[in-house]
Amino acid sequence: MRTKRFAVIGHPIGHTMSPFIHTRLFSLNGIDGEYSVEDIAPDSLESEMPRLLDELDGFNVTIPYKSAVIPFLSGVEGVAKEYGSVNTVRCSDRSGRTTDPVGFVRALKAADIPLQGRVAVLGAGGVCRVFAGEAARAGCKVTFGVLESDIPSAQAIISGIMEFHPDFRAEIVKIGELSGEFDLLVNATPVGMFPKVGNMPVGKELLQGCKAVFDAVYNPENTALLTAARECGCKAQGGMPMLVWQAAAAQEIWLGVEFRQDDVEGVIADATRYMNGHFTGNK
């Protein structure tokens, strides 16, 4: 049986955890698979897509191509239609899906954080659409905390979600003016990411009114936001579990395999140790 070939495409791609994570996940199910990195310049995407679809069994898609790949596919399935975003392509039928939402939801579940009530989402980038969309699906009210320059982007996210969830309740607040109590606060900004690990997107006083915090940043393992949240008595979860769970969901699509939570938690622990040893300088 031939070795199955997979990859992640994007630009630029520097340090990525994907090869490590997918290789570990292959081993759980005895899959003979290899996973590579394809840094594709924007002016080469059109010419490279036929090769990728012909040569690979599947590939992941990251910035800036999550929407750009869609015209080259036979179609998109599941919530990828809702989000207009694809992060997983199955080459056998040239279909696209997104596993970011299931990664988010499974990460919350594993941390025993309910997706309910009032949710604050910090930021207005592409992944915010996923976080806010899943909150809308769960019937939550969402408050976007954004920079003034990002208000139009947040408005566009709300409009897009309301096409699928007409009863979606949302408001936009400048991030410095965010206040009140929240069942969950989600950081979808890069603030606090290595190497600027001392930064926080909001002040500690806001966290005192939060029951739980999810920080999409996964490097470092414990961001300043997570540390402050725990000091305030919040449940707190970083971004590595979401990264691993969305990868597991991609392999479920490509290979029809299943993963036990205990096994995935082992991969999360291994990936965290690998990141600490290679990407942060912390041996």
Protein backbone atom coordinates (compact mmCIF):
# COMPACT_ATOMS: atom_id res chain seq x y z
CA MET A 1 0.00 0.00 0.00
CA ARG A 2 1.44 3.36 -1.01
CA THR A 3 2.28 6.14 1.41
CA LYS A 4 -0.52 8.71 1.57
CA ARG A 5 0.61 12.27 0.96
CA PHE A 6 -0.73 15.38 2.67
CA ALA A 7 0.42 18.97 3.10
CA VAL A 8 -0.43 22.42 4.36
CA ILE A 9 -0.43 25.35 1.93
CA GLY A 10 -0.14 29.04 2.72
CA HIS A 11 2.11 32.08 2.39
CA PRO A 12 4.27 32.86 4.13
CA ILE A 13 4.72 29.70 6.16
CA GLY A 14 7.57 29.83 8.62
CA HIS A 15 7.38 27.71 11.73
CA THR A 16 4.29 25.50 11.63
CA MET A 17 3.18 22.81 14.04
CA SER A 18 1.14 20.97 11.40
CA PRO A 19 3.71 18.36 10.28
CA PHE A 20 4.43 17.34 13.88
CA ILE A 21 0.76 17.16 14.85
CA HIS A 22 -0.38 15.24 11.79
CA THR A 23 2.49 12.78 11.98
CA ARG A 24 1.58 12.00 15.58
CA LEU A 25 -2.08 11.63 14.63
CA PHE A 26 -1.18 9.27 11.74
CA SER A 27 0.62 7.03 14.22
CA LEU A 28 -2.48 6.64 16.40
CA ASN A 29 -4.31 4.85 13.59
CA GLY A 30 -1.34 3.15 11.96
CA ILE A 31 -1.56 5.34 8.86
CA ASP A 32 1.40 5.32 6.49
CA GLY A 33 1.31 9.02 5.74
CA GLU A 34 3.68 11.90 5.15
CA TYR A 35 2.90 15.57 5.67
CA SER A 36 4.80 18.42 4.02
CA VAL A 37 4.72 22.21 3.89
CA GLU A 38 3.95 24.06 0.64
CA ASP A 39 4.75 27.78 0.70
CA ILE A 40 2.94 29.05 -2.39
CA ALA A 41 3.24 32.64 -3.56
CA PRO A 42 -0.09 34.34 -4.37
CA ASP A 43 0.69 34.63 -8.09
CA SER A 44 1.35 30.86 -8.21
CA LEU A 45 -1.83 29.58 -6.57
CA GLU A 46 -3.78 29.15 -9.82
CA SER A 47 -0.99 27.20 -11.51
CA GLU A 48 -0.18 25.11 -8.42
CA MET A 49 -3.71 23.99 -7.51
CA PRO A 50 -4.00 21.32 -10.26
CA ARG A 51 -0.71 19.77 -9.11
CA LEU A 52 -1.78 19.75 -5.47
CA LEU A 53 -5.14 18.18 -6.29
CA ASP A 54 -3.53 15.51 -8.49
CA GLU A 55 -0.49 14.61 -6.41
CA LEU A 56 -1.82 14.77 -2.84
CA ASP A 57 -4.47 12.81 -0.97
CA GLY A 58 -5.48 15.92 0.91
CA PHE A 59 -4.19 19.23 2.18
CA ASN A 60 -4.82 21.88 4.76
CA VAL A 61 -5.16 25.55 3.89
CA THR A 62 -4.00 28.48 5.96
CA ILE A 63 -3.61 32.24 5.51
CA PRO A 64 -4.14 33.77 2.99
CA TYR A 65 -5.88 31.06 0.94
CA LYS A 66 -8.86 29.85 2.98
CA SER A 67 -11.28 31.60 0.61
CA ALA A 68 -9.03 31.82 -2.44
CA VAL A 69 -8.95 28.03 -2.98
CA ILE A 70 -12.74 27.68 -3.23
CA PRO A 71 -13.06 28.47 -6.99
CA PHE A 72 -10.66 25.58 -7.74
CA LEU A 73 -12.75 22.98 -5.88
CA SER A 74 -15.74 20.92 -6.96
CA GLY A 75 -17.66 22.38 -4.04
CA VAL A 76 -17.65 23.07 -0.33
CA GLU A 77 -19.45 21.05 2.30
CA GLY A 78 -20.86 21.56 5.77
CA VAL A 79 -20.29 24.82 7.60
CA ALA A 80 -17.59 25.83 5.11
CA LYS A 81 -20.49 27.20 3.06
CA GLU A 82 -21.59 29.34 5.98
CA TYR A 83 -18.13 30.67 6.75
CA GLY A 84 -16.95 31.00 3.16
CA SER A 85 -13.71 29.43 4.34
CA VAL A 86 -11.92 26.14 3.67
CA ASN A 87 -9.04 24.74 5.69
CA THR A 88 -9.28 21.09 4.59
CA VAL A 89 -9.34 19.74 1.02
CA ARG A 90 -9.99 16.08 0.17
CA CYS A 91 -8.40 15.49 -3.21
CA SER A 92 -10.34 12.33 -4.15
CA ASP A 93 -13.47 14.40 -4.78
CA ARG A 94 -11.83 17.86 -4.73
CA SER A 95 -14.16 18.99 -1.95
CA GLY A 96 -13.44 21.60 0.70
CA ARG A 97 -14.48 21.79 4.34
CA THR A 98 -13.49 23.71 7.42
CA THR A 99 -12.54 21.99 10.66
CA ASP A 100 -11.84 25.18 12.62
CA PRO A 101 -15.35 25.21 14.17
CA VAL A 102 -15.18 21.61 15.41
CA GLY A 103 -11.68 22.27 16.72
CA PHE A 104 -12.98 25.23 18.74
CA VAL A 105 -16.00 23.39 20.10
CA ARG A 106 -14.04 20.24 21.01
CA ALA A 107 -11.37 22.32 22.75
CA LEU A 108 -14.01 24.04 24.87
CA LYS A 109 -15.68 20.73 25.70
CA ALA A 110 -12.38 19.14 26.74
CA ALA A 111 -11.80 22.08 29.11
CA ASP A 112 -15.35 21.81 30.47
CA ILE A 113 -16.15 25.33 29.23
CA PRO A 114 -19.79 25.68 28.12
CA LEU A 115 -20.59 27.78 25.06
CA GLN A 116 -23.57 29.68 26.41
CA GLY A 117 -24.88 33.02 27.61
CA ARG A 118 -22.88 36.17 26.96
CA VAL A 119 -19.71 35.78 24.92
CA ALA A 120 -17.07 38.45 24.26
CA VAL A 121 -14.98 38.00 21.11
CA LEU A 122 -11.85 40.11 20.85
CA GLY A 123 -10.85 40.99 17.30
CA ALA A 124 -12.45 41.02 13.86
CA GLY A 125 -10.18 38.81 11.73
CA GLY A 126 -11.10 35.67 9.82
CA VAL A 127 -11.12 33.29 12.78
CA CYS A 128 -13.50 35.64 14.63
CA ARG A 129 -16.19 34.62 12.17
CA VAL A 130 -15.81 31.03 13.36
CA PHE A 131 -15.88 31.86 17.05
CA ALA A 132 -18.84 34.20 16.73
CA GLY A 133 -20.65 31.86 14.34
CA GLU A 134 -20.40 28.93 16.71
CA ALA A 135 -21.60 31.17 19.55
CA ALA A 136 -24.55 32.18 17.38
CA ARG A 137 -25.30 28.52 16.65
CA ALA A 138 -25.39 27.91 20.41
CA GLY A 139 -27.80 30.81 20.96
CA CYS A 140 -25.29 33.10 22.65
CA LYS A 141 -25.25 36.88 22.63
CA VAL A 142 -21.90 38.13 21.31
CA THR A 143 -20.09 41.36 22.09
CA PHE A 144 -17.21 42.16 19.74
CA GLY A 145 -14.34 44.05 21.35
CA VAL A 146 -12.41 45.68 18.51
CA LEU A 147 -10.14 48.55 17.55
CA GLU A 148 -12.00 51.47 16.02
CA SER A 149 -10.42 50.69 12.65
CA ASP A 150 -11.88 47.16 12.78
CA ILE A 151 -15.50 48.18 13.38
CA PRO A 152 -16.41 47.77 9.65
CA SER A 153 -14.93 44.24 9.67
CA ALA A 154 -16.94 43.34 12.77
CA GLN A 155 -20.08 44.71 11.13
CA ALA A 156 -19.41 42.53 8.09
CA ILE A 157 -18.98 39.46 10.32
CA ILE A 158 -22.31 40.13 12.01
CA SER A 159 -24.07 40.59 8.66
CA GLY A 160 -22.62 37.33 7.36
CA ILE A 161 -23.68 35.38 10.43
CA MET A 162 -27.19 36.82 10.35
CA GLU A 163 -27.70 35.39 6.85
CA PHE A 164 -27.63 31.95 8.48
CA HIS A 165 -28.77 32.88 12.00
CA PRO A 166 -31.34 35.71 11.67
CA ASP A 167 -31.88 35.81 15.45
CA PHE A 168 -28.19 36.39 16.17
CA ARG A 169 -27.77 38.98 18.94
CA ALA A 170 -24.57 40.99 18.71
CA GLU A 171 -23.04 44.35 19.51
CA ILE A 172 -19.73 46.06 18.80
CA VAL A 173 -17.69 47.89 21.44
CA LYS A 174 -14.28 49.51 21.25
CA ILE A 175 -11.98 47.06 22.99
CA GLY A 176 -10.82 49.63 25.53
CA GLU A 177 -14.43 50.28 26.54
CA LEU A 178 -15.42 46.64 26.94
CA SER A 179 -17.04 46.02 30.32
CA GLY A 180 -19.59 43.84 32.09
CA GLU A 181 -19.87 40.16 32.88
CA PHE A 182 -19.34 37.38 30.35
CA ASP A 183 -19.77 33.63 30.45
CA LEU A 184 -16.87 33.32 28.00
CA LEU A 185 -14.23 35.68 26.65
CA VAL A 186 -12.45 34.60 23.46
CA ASN A 187 -9.20 36.22 22.36
CA ALA A 188 -8.99 36.02 18.58
CA THR A 189 -6.20 38.60 18.30
CA PRO A 190 -2.46 37.87 18.16
CA VAL A 191 -1.85 39.94 21.30
CA GLY A 192 0.28 37.95 23.74
CA MET A 193 1.83 35.72 21.07
CA PHE A 194 5.54 34.88 21.22
CA PRO A 195 7.80 36.83 21.36
CA LYS A 196 5.66 39.63 22.89
CA VAL A 197 4.47 37.37 25.66
CA GLY A 198 3.85 40.04 28.28
CA ASN A 199 1.03 41.76 26.39
CA MET A 200 -2.70 41.33 27.08
CA PRO A 201 -5.59 42.40 24.83
CA VAL A 202 -7.71 43.53 27.83
CA GLY A 203 -7.08 44.51 31.41
CA LYS A 204 -7.30 42.17 34.37
CA GLU A 205 -10.29 44.05 35.76
CA LEU A 206 -12.43 42.82 32.87
CA LEU A 207 -11.45 39.22 33.58
CA GLN A 208 -12.89 39.50 37.07
CA GLY A 209 -16.33 39.51 35.45
CA CYS A 210 -15.66 36.48 33.22
CA LYS A 211 -16.42 32.85 34.00
CA ALA A 212 -14.09 31.42 31.34
CA VAL A 213 -11.43 32.52 28.87
CA PHE A 214 -10.32 30.91 25.62
CA ASP A 215 -7.13 32.28 24.08
CA ALA A 216 -6.60 31.22 20.46
CA VAL A 217 -2.89 31.99 20.86
CA TYR A 218 -1.01 28.72 21.41
CA ASN A 219 2.55 30.02 21.65
CA PRO A 220 3.31 30.45 24.52
CA GLU A 221 1.41 27.69 26.26
CA ASN A 222 0.44 30.03 29.10
CA THR A 223 -0.18 33.54 27.79
CA ALA A 224 -0.35 36.54 30.07
CA LEU A 225 -4.11 36.55 29.47
CA LEU A 226 -4.51 32.94 30.59
CA THR A 227 -2.35 33.51 33.67
CA ALA A 228 -4.39 36.55 34.67
CA ALA A 229 -7.65 34.71 33.99
CA ARG A 230 -6.70 31.86 36.29
CA GLU A 231 -5.70 34.34 38.98
CA CYS A 232 -9.23 35.76 38.71
CA GLY A 233 -10.75 32.31 39.16
CA CYS A 234 -11.74 31.79 35.53
CA LYS A 235 -11.60 28.51 33.67
CA ALA A 236 -8.94 29.09 31.03
CA GLN A 237 -7.89 27.29 27.85
CA GLY A 238 -5.14 28.10 25.33
CA GLY A 239 -5.11 27.51 21.59
CA MET A 240 -3.12 24.26 21.26
CA PRO A 241 -6.12 21.94 21.84
CA MET A 242 -8.05 23.70 19.05
CA LEU A 243 -5.06 23.32 16.73
CA VAL A 244 -4.80 19.59 17.39
CA TRP A 245 -8.55 18.90 17.33
CA GLN A 246 -9.01 20.64 13.97
CA ALA A 247 -6.14 18.51 12.62
CA ALA A 248 -7.81 15.35 13.95
CA ALA A 249 -11.06 16.40 12.29
CA ALA A 250 -9.19 16.86 9.00
CA GLN A 251 -7.87 13.30 9.19
CA GLU A 252 -11.39 12.07 9.89
CA ILE A 253 -12.41 13.67 6.59
CA TRP A 254 -9.41 12.39 4.61
CA LEU A 255 -9.16 8.90 6.04
CA GLY A 256 -12.45 8.01 7.72
CA VAL A 257 -10.65 7.40 11.01
CA GLU A 258 -11.78 8.17 14.55
CA PHE A 259 -9.90 9.50 17.55
CA ARG A 260 -10.42 8.95 21.26
CA GLN A 261 -10.24 12.01 23.48
CA ASP A 262 -7.50 10.46 25.63
CA ASP A 263 -5.34 9.86 22.57
CA VAL A 264 -5.81 13.40 21.27
CA GLU A 265 -4.97 14.81 24.69
CA GLY A 266 -1.70 12.88 24.48
CA VAL A 267 -0.94 14.51 21.13
CA ILE A 268 -1.78 17.94 22.61
CA ALA A 269 0.72 17.32 25.41
CA ASP A 270 3.38 16.13 22.95
CA ALA A 271 2.77 19.10 20.63
CA THR A 272 3.08 21.51 23.55
CA ARG A 273 6.40 19.99 24.59
CA TYR A 274 7.63 20.13 20.99
CA MET A 275 6.59 23.78 20.66
CA ASN A 276 8.30 24.69 23.94
CA GLY A 277 11.49 23.03 22.74
CA HIS A 278 11.58 24.42 19.22
CA PHE A 279 9.57 27.62 18.85
CA THR A 280 9.91 29.50 22.16
CA GLY A 281 13.47 28.77 23.20
CA ASN A 282 12.21 27.12 26.39
CA LYS A 283 13.88 23.71 26.57
